[in-house]
Protein backbone atom coordinates (compact mmCIF):
# COMPACT_ATOMS: atom_id res chain seq x y z
CA MET A 1 42.69 34.38 114.91
CA ALA A 2 40.25 37.36 114.18
CA ASP A 3 38.16 37.89 110.83
CA TYR A 4 37.71 41.47 110.79
CA THR A 5 35.28 41.20 107.65
CA PRO A 6 31.85 41.11 109.06
CA ALA A 7 32.74 44.15 111.38
CA ILE A 8 34.15 46.11 108.67
CA LYS A 9 31.14 45.58 106.24
CA LYS A 10 28.90 46.34 108.99
CA ILE A 11 30.73 50.19 109.55
CA LEU A 12 31.04 50.61 105.80
CA LEU A 13 27.34 50.08 105.17
CA GLN A 14 26.35 52.28 108.54
CA ASN A 15 28.26 55.06 107.17
CA ASN A 16 26.54 55.11 103.66
CA CYS A 17 29.48 53.30 102.01
CA HIS A 18 28.28 50.45 99.23
CA PHE A 19 29.48 47.19 97.42
CA GLU A 20 30.21 47.96 93.94
CA ARG A 21 31.10 45.01 92.25
CA GLN A 22 33.12 41.67 92.88
CA GLY A 23 36.70 42.34 92.53
CA GLY A 24 39.82 40.05 91.59
CA GLY A 25 40.21 37.03 93.39
CA ASP A 26 38.17 37.11 96.54
CA HIS A 27 38.21 40.92 96.91
CA GLU A 28 34.86 43.56 96.64
CA ILE A 29 35.41 46.58 95.75
CA TRP A 30 33.49 49.34 97.82
CA TYR A 31 32.49 52.82 97.38
CA SER A 32 32.97 55.64 99.88
CA PRO A 33 30.62 58.82 99.29
CA MET A 34 33.10 60.59 101.94
CA THR A 35 36.11 60.25 100.09
CA ASN A 36 34.57 59.68 96.70
CA ARG A 37 36.84 56.50 96.06
CA ARG A 38 36.50 52.79 95.28
CA PHE A 39 38.53 50.66 97.56
CA PRO A 40 39.00 46.74 97.84
CA VAL A 41 37.74 44.72 101.08
CA ASP A 42 39.26 41.48 101.26
CA SER A 43 36.78 38.28 102.36
CA LYS A 44 39.29 37.30 105.25
CA ILE A 45 40.93 40.02 106.93
CA LYS A 46 43.01 38.72 109.69
CA SER A 47 44.83 41.59 110.43
CA ARG A 48 43.57 44.85 112.49
CA HIS A 49 45.95 47.16 110.43
CA THR A 50 44.74 45.88 107.14
CA ALA A 51 41.13 46.60 108.95
CA ASN A 52 41.99 50.05 109.98
CA GLY A 53 43.70 51.04 106.35
CA ILE A 54 40.38 50.22 104.86
CA LEU A 55 38.53 52.37 107.32
CA LYS A 56 41.06 55.07 106.44
CA GLN A 57 40.65 54.62 102.59
CA ALA A 58 36.64 54.76 103.46
CA GLY A 59 37.08 58.22 105.10
CA LEU A 60 36.26 56.47 108.70
CA PRO A 61 38.40 56.77 112.15
CA LYS A 62 40.24 53.74 113.04
CA GLN A 63 38.50 51.47 115.06
CA PHE A 64 40.54 47.99 115.35
């Protein structure tokens, strides 16, 4: 099963999003200047739907 986390973090960083802090459990809180929102990123993203949902929260198009 795929782990989308490294690819998601790379895409977020390339689009000026940044890590803000550690969240609850194994989540990180990231910030997107495009949407002016904070959103959680799990350390083990196994679903492409979840991966695309994170990109949507960051204001980015689907990539998976």
